[in-house]
Each structure stands twice: as C-alpha cells, then as structure tokens.
Amino acid sequence: MIKVKRVYDPPEPGDGLRVLVDRLWPRGVRRDAVDIWMREVAPSDELRRWFSHDPAKWEEFKARYWRELDENPKVEELLRLAERGDVTLLYAARSPYNNAVALKEYLERRLAERRG
C-alpha cells in the first residue's frame, strides 16, 4: 500500500517505509523522521516553480510530472520498494495539491500495469 502524509505529521506504526519525495530537506525535520530521501523523484525545479501549488494547474502539472517520471530511473527503485511492503510518501507542502499526491497516483498506475 502506498500512503501520503506531511513529513511534519508524527510517524505511525502503519506507515511502513517513510520516503521523503521533496527536492529540498524540510525545515525543522530530524533525519530520523525519514527512512529514505529520494529527492531525485521530485519534480524539476522548473516544473515546481511553474506549478506553485495552483489548483487550476493540477491536471497539467500531473501530466508534465508523469512525463518526467517516465524518464526517471529512480522510479523503478521506488516501485520495487512499494511491491515489497507499505510505503508512505512524505512531503512538506501545506497544499493538498503536491508532488507526493501526484507521485502516489503515478506509482499505483504503474503497479496496476505490472500486475496485469
């Protein structure tokens, strides 16, 4: 199962592997609050700046981000982790329109394709 939560929320037993998927380390977060930092799967700086958590750009952001992910070799590593057990994608943004939510949807689609 893939979950999504803010990195500032306390860890819970059901989180599984806690993976930070932001390009920048969030302020005030201790290193032991995260199991793995995969900044390589975050959107490019250009895409992140363009999107700026604007809900009106959400669908276009996802399309552009997913194209970036299609070309990203680190995605395969993240898929393998999700196949092995529970993974929680951590993000710092306050907005519900963020890369972790888009990444979760992308990974779930890819996993469903693998299962046939």
N, C-alpha and C. Protein backbone atom coordinates (compact mmCIF):
# COMPACT_ATOMS: atom_id res chain seq x y z
N MET A 1 0.84 -1.18 0.00
CA MET A 1 0.00 0.00 0.00
C MET A 1 0.89 1.24 0.00
N ILE A 2 0.47 2.23 -0.76
CA ILE A 2 1.18 3.50 -0.80
C ILE A 2 0.31 4.55 -0.13
N LYS A 3 0.91 5.24 0.82
CA LYS A 3 0.21 6.31 1.54
C LYS A 3 0.95 7.62 1.30
N VAL A 4 0.28 8.71 1.66
CA VAL A 4 0.87 10.03 1.53
C VAL A 4 0.58 10.79 2.82
N LYS A 5 1.61 11.49 3.34
CA LYS A 5 1.37 12.33 4.51
C LYS A 5 2.45 13.39 4.61
N ARG A 6 2.12 14.43 5.36
CA ARG A 6 3.10 15.50 5.58
C ARG A 6 4.23 14.97 6.45
N VAL A 7 5.42 15.38 6.14
CA VAL A 7 6.59 14.96 6.89
C VAL A 7 6.53 15.46 8.34
N TYR A 8 5.74 16.51 8.58
CA TYR A 8 5.62 17.07 9.93
C TYR A 8 4.65 16.29 10.81
N ASP A 9 3.86 15.40 10.20
CA ASP A 9 2.95 14.55 10.98
C ASP A 9 3.77 13.46 11.66
N PRO A 10 3.38 13.07 12.87
CA PRO A 10 4.17 12.06 13.58
C PRO A 10 4.12 10.69 12.89
N PRO A 11 5.21 9.95 12.97
CA PRO A 11 5.22 8.60 12.41
C PRO A 11 4.19 7.72 13.12
N GLU A 12 3.62 6.78 12.36
CA GLU A 12 2.66 5.83 12.91
C GLU A 12 3.11 4.43 12.53
N PRO A 13 2.72 3.43 13.33
CA PRO A 13 3.16 2.06 13.04
C PRO A 13 2.81 1.58 11.63
N GLY A 14 1.71 2.02 11.07
CA GLY A 14 1.30 1.55 9.75
C GLY A 14 1.94 2.28 8.59
N ASP A 15 2.86 3.19 8.87
CA ASP A 15 3.50 3.95 7.79
C ASP A 15 4.36 3.09 6.88
N GLY A 16 4.93 2.05 7.41
CA GLY A 16 5.88 1.29 6.62
C GLY A 16 7.13 2.11 6.40
N LEU A 17 7.70 2.00 5.22
CA LEU A 17 8.90 2.75 4.87
C LEU A 17 8.52 4.20 4.58
N ARG A 18 9.16 5.13 5.28
CA ARG A 18 8.85 6.55 5.15
C ARG A 18 9.85 7.18 4.18
N VAL A 19 9.33 7.62 3.02
CA VAL A 19 10.19 8.11 1.94
C VAL A 19 9.86 9.58 1.66
N LEU A 20 10.83 10.45 1.91
CA LEU A 20 10.68 11.86 1.58
C LEU A 20 10.89 12.04 0.09
N VAL A 21 9.91 12.67 -0.59
CA VAL A 21 9.98 12.81 -2.04
C VAL A 21 10.05 14.27 -2.49
N ASP A 22 10.52 15.14 -1.62
CA ASP A 22 10.73 16.55 -1.94
C ASP A 22 12.19 16.77 -2.33
N ARG A 23 12.43 17.75 -3.19
CA ARG A 23 13.79 18.05 -3.63
C ARG A 23 14.63 18.69 -2.52
N LEU A 24 13.98 19.46 -1.65
CA LEU A 24 14.68 20.14 -0.56
C LEU A 24 14.31 19.52 0.78
N TRP A 25 15.29 19.46 1.68
CA TRP A 25 15.01 18.93 3.02
C TRP A 25 14.13 19.94 3.77
N PRO A 26 13.03 19.50 4.38
CA PRO A 26 12.12 20.43 5.07
C PRO A 26 12.71 20.97 6.38
N ARG A 27 12.43 22.22 6.64
CA ARG A 27 12.93 22.87 7.86
C ARG A 27 12.39 22.19 9.11
N GLY A 28 13.29 22.05 10.07
CA GLY A 28 12.89 21.55 11.38
C GLY A 28 12.63 20.07 11.47
N VAL A 29 12.89 19.33 10.41
CA VAL A 29 12.65 17.88 10.41
C VAL A 29 13.95 17.15 10.71
N ARG A 30 13.89 16.28 11.70
CA ARG A 30 15.07 15.48 12.06
C ARG A 30 15.28 14.38 11.03
N ARG A 31 16.52 14.02 10.85
CA ARG A 31 16.86 12.98 9.86
C ARG A 31 16.23 11.63 10.19
N ASP A 32 16.03 11.35 11.47
CA ASP A 32 15.47 10.05 11.84
C ASP A 32 13.95 9.98 11.65
N ALA A 33 13.32 11.06 11.19
CA ALA A 33 11.89 11.06 10.90
C ALA A 33 11.60 10.46 9.51
N VAL A 34 12.68 10.22 8.75
CA VAL A 34 12.58 9.74 7.37
C VAL A 34 13.49 8.53 7.22
N ASP A 35 13.01 7.50 6.53
CA ASP A 35 13.86 6.33 6.27
C ASP A 35 14.74 6.53 5.05
N ILE A 36 14.16 7.10 4.00
CA ILE A 36 14.89 7.32 2.75
C ILE A 36 14.50 8.68 2.19
N TRP A 37 15.48 9.40 1.67
CA TRP A 37 15.21 10.66 0.99
C TRP A 37 15.47 10.43 -0.49
N MET A 38 14.41 10.48 -1.30
CA MET A 38 14.53 10.28 -2.75
C MET A 38 14.22 11.58 -3.46
N ARG A 39 15.10 12.53 -3.33
CA ARG A 39 14.88 13.84 -3.95
C ARG A 39 14.89 13.74 -5.47
N GLU A 40 15.46 12.67 -6.00
CA GLU A 40 15.55 12.50 -7.45
C GLU A 40 14.17 12.29 -8.10
N VAL A 41 13.17 11.88 -7.33
CA VAL A 41 11.84 11.66 -7.91
C VAL A 41 10.95 12.89 -7.78
N ALA A 42 11.47 13.96 -7.20
CA ALA A 42 10.71 15.21 -7.10
C ALA A 42 10.64 15.87 -8.48
N PRO A 43 9.64 16.72 -8.70
CA PRO A 43 9.58 17.41 -9.99
C PRO A 43 10.79 18.32 -10.19
N SER A 44 11.09 18.59 -11.44
CA SER A 44 12.19 19.50 -11.74
C SER A 44 11.89 20.87 -11.13
N ASP A 45 12.95 21.63 -10.88
CA ASP A 45 12.77 22.98 -10.33
C ASP A 45 11.88 23.82 -11.23
N GLU A 46 12.08 23.70 -12.53
CA GLU A 46 11.28 24.47 -13.48
C GLU A 46 9.79 24.13 -13.35
N LEU A 47 9.48 22.85 -13.30
CA LEU A 47 8.08 22.43 -13.19
C LEU A 47 7.49 22.85 -11.84
N ARG A 48 8.26 22.68 -10.79
CA ARG A 48 7.80 23.05 -9.45
C ARG A 48 7.46 24.55 -9.38
N ARG A 49 8.34 25.37 -9.93
CA ARG A 49 8.09 26.82 -9.93
C ARG A 49 6.87 27.18 -10.76
N TRP A 50 6.73 26.55 -11.94
CA TRP A 50 5.58 26.82 -12.79
C TRP A 50 4.28 26.47 -12.08
N PHE A 51 4.24 25.32 -11.44
CA PHE A 51 3.02 24.85 -10.80
C PHE A 51 2.64 25.68 -9.58
N SER A 52 3.57 25.87 -8.68
CA SER A 52 3.38 26.69 -7.49
C SER A 52 2.10 26.35 -6.71
N HIS A 53 1.75 25.05 -6.69
CA HIS A 53 0.59 24.53 -5.94
C HIS A 53 -0.73 25.19 -6.34
N ASP A 54 -0.82 25.62 -7.59
CA ASP A 54 -2.04 26.25 -8.11
C ASP A 54 -3.03 25.17 -8.53
N PRO A 55 -4.17 25.05 -7.83
CA PRO A 55 -5.15 24.01 -8.18
C PRO A 55 -5.61 24.06 -9.64
N ALA A 56 -5.62 25.24 -10.23
CA ALA A 56 -6.04 25.37 -11.63
C ALA A 56 -5.05 24.68 -12.58
N LYS A 57 -3.81 24.49 -12.14
CA LYS A 57 -2.78 23.86 -12.98
C LYS A 57 -2.58 22.38 -12.63
N TRP A 58 -3.37 21.84 -11.73
CA TRP A 58 -3.16 20.49 -11.19
C TRP A 58 -3.07 19.42 -12.27
N GLU A 59 -4.06 19.34 -13.15
CA GLU A 59 -4.07 18.28 -14.17
C GLU A 59 -2.88 18.42 -15.12
N GLU A 60 -2.56 19.63 -15.52
CA GLU A 60 -1.40 19.83 -16.40
C GLU A 60 -0.10 19.53 -15.67
N PHE A 61 -0.04 19.88 -14.39
CA PHE A 61 1.14 19.56 -13.58
C PHE A 61 1.35 18.05 -13.55
N LYS A 62 0.28 17.30 -13.26
CA LYS A 62 0.41 15.85 -13.20
C LYS A 62 0.91 15.29 -14.53
N ALA A 63 0.36 15.75 -15.63
CA ALA A 63 0.78 15.25 -16.94
C ALA A 63 2.26 15.52 -17.18
N ARG A 64 2.70 16.73 -16.88
CA ARG A 64 4.11 17.08 -17.08
C ARG A 64 5.02 16.30 -16.12
N TYR A 65 4.60 16.17 -14.88
CA TYR A 65 5.39 15.45 -13.88
C TYR A 65 5.50 13.98 -14.25
N TRP A 66 4.41 13.40 -14.69
CA TRP A 66 4.44 11.99 -15.06
C TRP A 66 5.36 11.76 -16.25
N ARG A 67 5.42 12.72 -17.17
CA ARG A 67 6.37 12.59 -18.29
C ARG A 67 7.80 12.59 -17.75
N GLU A 68 8.07 13.45 -16.77
CA GLU A 68 9.40 13.44 -16.14
C GLU A 68 9.66 12.09 -15.47
N LEU A 69 8.67 11.57 -14.78
CA LEU A 69 8.84 10.30 -14.08
C LEU A 69 9.07 9.14 -15.05
N ASP A 70 8.43 9.19 -16.22
CA ASP A 70 8.63 8.14 -17.23
C ASP A 70 10.09 8.02 -17.63
N GLU A 71 10.83 9.12 -17.54
CA GLU A 71 12.24 9.14 -17.93
C GLU A 71 13.20 9.00 -16.74
N ASN A 72 12.65 8.79 -15.55
CA ASN A 72 13.46 8.81 -14.33
C ASN A 72 13.79 7.38 -13.87
N PRO A 73 15.07 6.99 -13.87
CA PRO A 73 15.43 5.63 -13.46
C PRO A 73 15.18 5.34 -11.98
N LYS A 74 15.10 6.35 -11.13
CA LYS A 74 14.85 6.14 -9.70
C LYS A 74 13.44 5.65 -9.42
N VAL A 75 12.54 5.85 -10.37
CA VAL A 75 11.15 5.39 -10.19
C VAL A 75 11.11 3.88 -10.02
N GLU A 76 11.95 3.18 -10.74
CA GLU A 76 11.98 1.72 -10.64
C GLU A 76 12.32 1.28 -9.22
N GLU A 77 13.26 1.94 -8.59
CA GLU A 77 13.62 1.63 -7.21
C GLU A 77 12.42 1.85 -6.28
N LEU A 78 11.72 2.93 -6.47
CA LEU A 78 10.55 3.23 -5.65
C LEU A 78 9.44 2.21 -5.88
N LEU A 79 9.25 1.78 -7.10
CA LEU A 79 8.26 0.74 -7.39
C LEU A 79 8.61 -0.58 -6.70
N ARG A 80 9.88 -0.94 -6.71
CA ARG A 80 10.30 -2.17 -6.03
C ARG A 80 10.03 -2.09 -4.53
N LEU A 81 10.30 -0.93 -3.94
CA LEU A 81 10.03 -0.75 -2.51
C LEU A 81 8.54 -0.91 -2.22
N ALA A 82 7.70 -0.34 -3.08
CA ALA A 82 6.25 -0.43 -2.89
C ALA A 82 5.75 -1.86 -3.08
N GLU A 83 6.40 -2.62 -3.93
CA GLU A 83 6.00 -4.02 -4.12
C GLU A 83 6.35 -4.88 -2.90
N ARG A 84 7.37 -4.49 -2.18
CA ARG A 84 7.82 -5.26 -1.02
C ARG A 84 7.01 -5.00 0.25
N GLY A 85 6.38 -3.83 0.35
CA GLY A 85 5.65 -3.52 1.58
C GLY A 85 5.08 -2.11 1.55
N ASP A 86 4.51 -1.72 2.67
CA ASP A 86 3.90 -0.40 2.78
C ASP A 86 4.95 0.70 2.65
N VAL A 87 4.58 1.75 1.92
CA VAL A 87 5.43 2.91 1.72
C VAL A 87 4.58 4.16 1.96
N THR A 88 5.13 5.09 2.72
CA THR A 88 4.48 6.39 2.91
C THR A 88 5.35 7.45 2.26
N LEU A 89 4.76 8.15 1.28
CA LEU A 89 5.45 9.24 0.60
C LEU A 89 5.27 10.50 1.43
N LEU A 90 6.37 11.09 1.83
CA LEU A 90 6.35 12.26 2.70
C LEU A 90 6.62 13.53 1.90
N TYR A 91 5.91 14.59 2.25
CA TYR A 91 6.07 15.88 1.60
C TYR A 91 5.95 16.98 2.64
N ALA A 92 6.43 18.17 2.32
CA ALA A 92 6.40 19.28 3.28
C ALA A 92 5.30 20.29 2.99
N ALA A 93 4.83 20.36 1.76
CA ALA A 93 3.86 21.39 1.37
C ALA A 93 2.59 21.35 2.21
N ARG A 94 2.00 22.52 2.38
CA ARG A 94 0.71 22.61 3.08
C ARG A 94 -0.45 22.27 2.16
N SER A 95 -0.23 22.46 0.89
CA SER A 95 -1.29 22.27 -0.11
C SER A 95 -1.56 20.78 -0.35
N PRO A 96 -2.85 20.42 -0.51
CA PRO A 96 -3.16 19.04 -0.90
C PRO A 96 -2.80 18.76 -2.36
N TYR A 97 -2.49 19.81 -3.11
CA TYR A 97 -2.04 19.68 -4.50
C TYR A 97 -0.52 19.70 -4.49
N ASN A 98 0.08 18.52 -4.38
CA ASN A 98 1.53 18.45 -4.27
C ASN A 98 2.07 17.25 -5.00
N ASN A 99 3.39 17.22 -5.16
CA ASN A 99 4.03 16.16 -5.94
C ASN A 99 3.85 14.77 -5.34
N ALA A 100 3.76 14.65 -4.02
CA ALA A 100 3.60 13.33 -3.40
C ALA A 100 2.26 12.71 -3.79
N VAL A 101 1.22 13.51 -3.84
CA VAL A 101 -0.10 13.02 -4.23
C VAL A 101 -0.07 12.57 -5.70
N ALA A 102 0.55 13.37 -6.55
CA ALA A 102 0.67 13.01 -7.97
C ALA A 102 1.54 11.78 -8.14
N LEU A 103 2.61 11.68 -7.37
CA LEU A 103 3.51 10.53 -7.44
C LEU A 103 2.80 9.25 -7.01
N LYS A 104 2.01 9.32 -5.97
CA LYS A 104 1.24 8.16 -5.50
C LYS A 104 0.34 7.63 -6.61
N GLU A 105 -0.38 8.53 -7.27
CA GLU A 105 -1.27 8.13 -8.35
C GLU A 105 -0.46 7.49 -9.49
N TYR A 106 0.66 8.07 -9.81
CA TYR A 106 1.52 7.53 -10.87
C TYR A 106 2.02 6.13 -10.51
N LEU A 107 2.52 5.96 -9.30
CA LEU A 107 3.04 4.66 -8.87
C LEU A 107 1.95 3.60 -8.83
N GLU A 108 0.78 3.96 -8.36
CA GLU A 108 -0.32 3.00 -8.31
C GLU A 108 -0.72 2.54 -9.71
N ARG A 109 -0.70 3.46 -10.67
CA ARG A 109 -1.00 3.08 -12.06
C ARG A 109 0.06 2.12 -12.60
N ARG A 110 1.32 2.45 -12.34
CA ARG A 110 2.41 1.59 -12.81
C ARG A 110 2.35 0.20 -12.17
N LEU A 111 2.05 0.14 -10.89
CA LEU A 111 1.93 -1.15 -10.20
C LEU A 111 0.77 -1.96 -10.76
N ALA A 112 -0.35 -1.31 -11.04
CA ALA A 112 -1.51 -1.99 -11.61
C ALA A 112 -1.17 -2.55 -12.99
N GLU A 113 -0.41 -1.82 -13.78
CA GLU A 113 0.02 -2.29 -15.10
C GLU A 113 0.89 -3.54 -14.98
N ARG A 114 1.76 -3.55 -13.99
CA ARG A 114 2.65 -4.70 -13.78
C ARG A 114 1.87 -5.95 -13.42
N ARG A 115 0.82 -5.76 -12.63
CA ARG A 115 0.03 -6.90 -12.18
C ARG A 115 -0.88 -7.42 -13.27
N GLY A 116 -1.07 -6.59 -14.30
CA GLY A 116 -1.87 -7.01 -15.43
C GLY A 116 -3.31 -6.78 -15.19
